[in-house]
Amino acid sequence: MAYDIKTASEAMLASIPKRSAAVLEKRFGLAKSGKRFTLEAIGNSYGITRERVRQIEADGLNRIRKASEFSNLEPLFLSFTEYIKQQGGIVAESQLFSHFSNENVPSEAVRFLLTLHPNVIYRGESDIWHSRWGLDGIMMDSIEHALQRVSDVIKLKEETIAYEQLANMMQKELAAESVATPSHAILSAYIAISKQIDKNYFNQWGHTSSSLVRPRGVRDLAYLVFQQAGAPMHFSAAAERIREVATARRVHAQTVHNELIKDNRFVLVGRGMYGLSEWGYEPGTVQDIIIRALSSGPLSKDALVEKVLHKRQVKENTILINLQNRKRFKKFSDGTYGNVV
């Protein structure tokens, strides 16, 4: 008899004593609520130790594996195995849930049956890995070693990278581990098991410790928006763009404006217009910009105007008016301008 996933999990619980089934139901969250209970919580409800609960859980799983109904799970086990193979031999648990569960098939039932599967390997969640399932421990090690080396490299970068560059890095490290060159779909499945590699709102990849990948506030979000735009923006436009890309965050234009003022990565270049200091824009008044432009020697009017406009978005006439300040600037006989020493 072939089962669907939900029916299969119910049938397996029905094949063992009620107390064992109740413990497994709580441990795997197989009740309608989907809530998973800790060993301690279950122990307290039965007046037994955590270790005793662990023993009952292990015994219950062994009883199911020995039950006559267990052989009916073969088609489901085969479907799990084939899917993991298609994903390159290792896959994040969340991805398995996305594929096999739906509104009628709870993910808890999928996890329960995977736990009963005799030919798959489970590796739990950690600080650097998501929960994942695989078919071969050595291959899983190889893929994880490759991912870790790539993670170490991108952590040192002060910028994000395109997916193509990340893919090339991964393929190189996988080859070093004697893992066959994967398709892009498989490569994506590999990357998905790492907590250290991710993309930002603009599909730029990097290490998750970087604010370029995981923005920590409005300032970081604004910086990403400006980087993506590649040109100065009005603070209200930046706020609108943040709302577009980071839908979970509701920010007001004035909030963005206040953050831009406080962060030296941003420079006021016009009325409400900001640019990034890394683009060459400099803080200060137009007069300050002119003084710095002339610090290395006199310049012609056209050369000076061009230099100032690279640093600040102002009208040419504003620059010329500032040049009339004879306490700061002087005009030489050849028509060039210099600072008053």
Foldseek 3Di string as FASTA:
>chain_A
DADALLVLLVVLLVQDDVVLSVLLCQQLQVPPVSHHDQLPVVCVVVVHDSVVSVVSPVVSLVSSLVGPCNVNCVVVLVVVQVVCVVLPFKFALVVVCVVRPDPVRHSSSVVVVVVSRPQKDWDDDDPWFGTMIGRDPLLLVQLVVLLVVLLVVLVPDPDFAAVVVSLVSSQVSSVVSVRPNDDVSSVVRSNVGTPQWDAALVRTIGGPVDCCRVPPDLLSQLVNQQVVVVDKDQLQVSQVVSCVRVVVDRDHSVVSVVSLVVDQQWEAQDDSIIHGVVQVADHDDLLVQLQVLQVVHWDALVVSLVSSCSHHPDDSVVNVVSCPPVQFKDADPVRTIHGDD
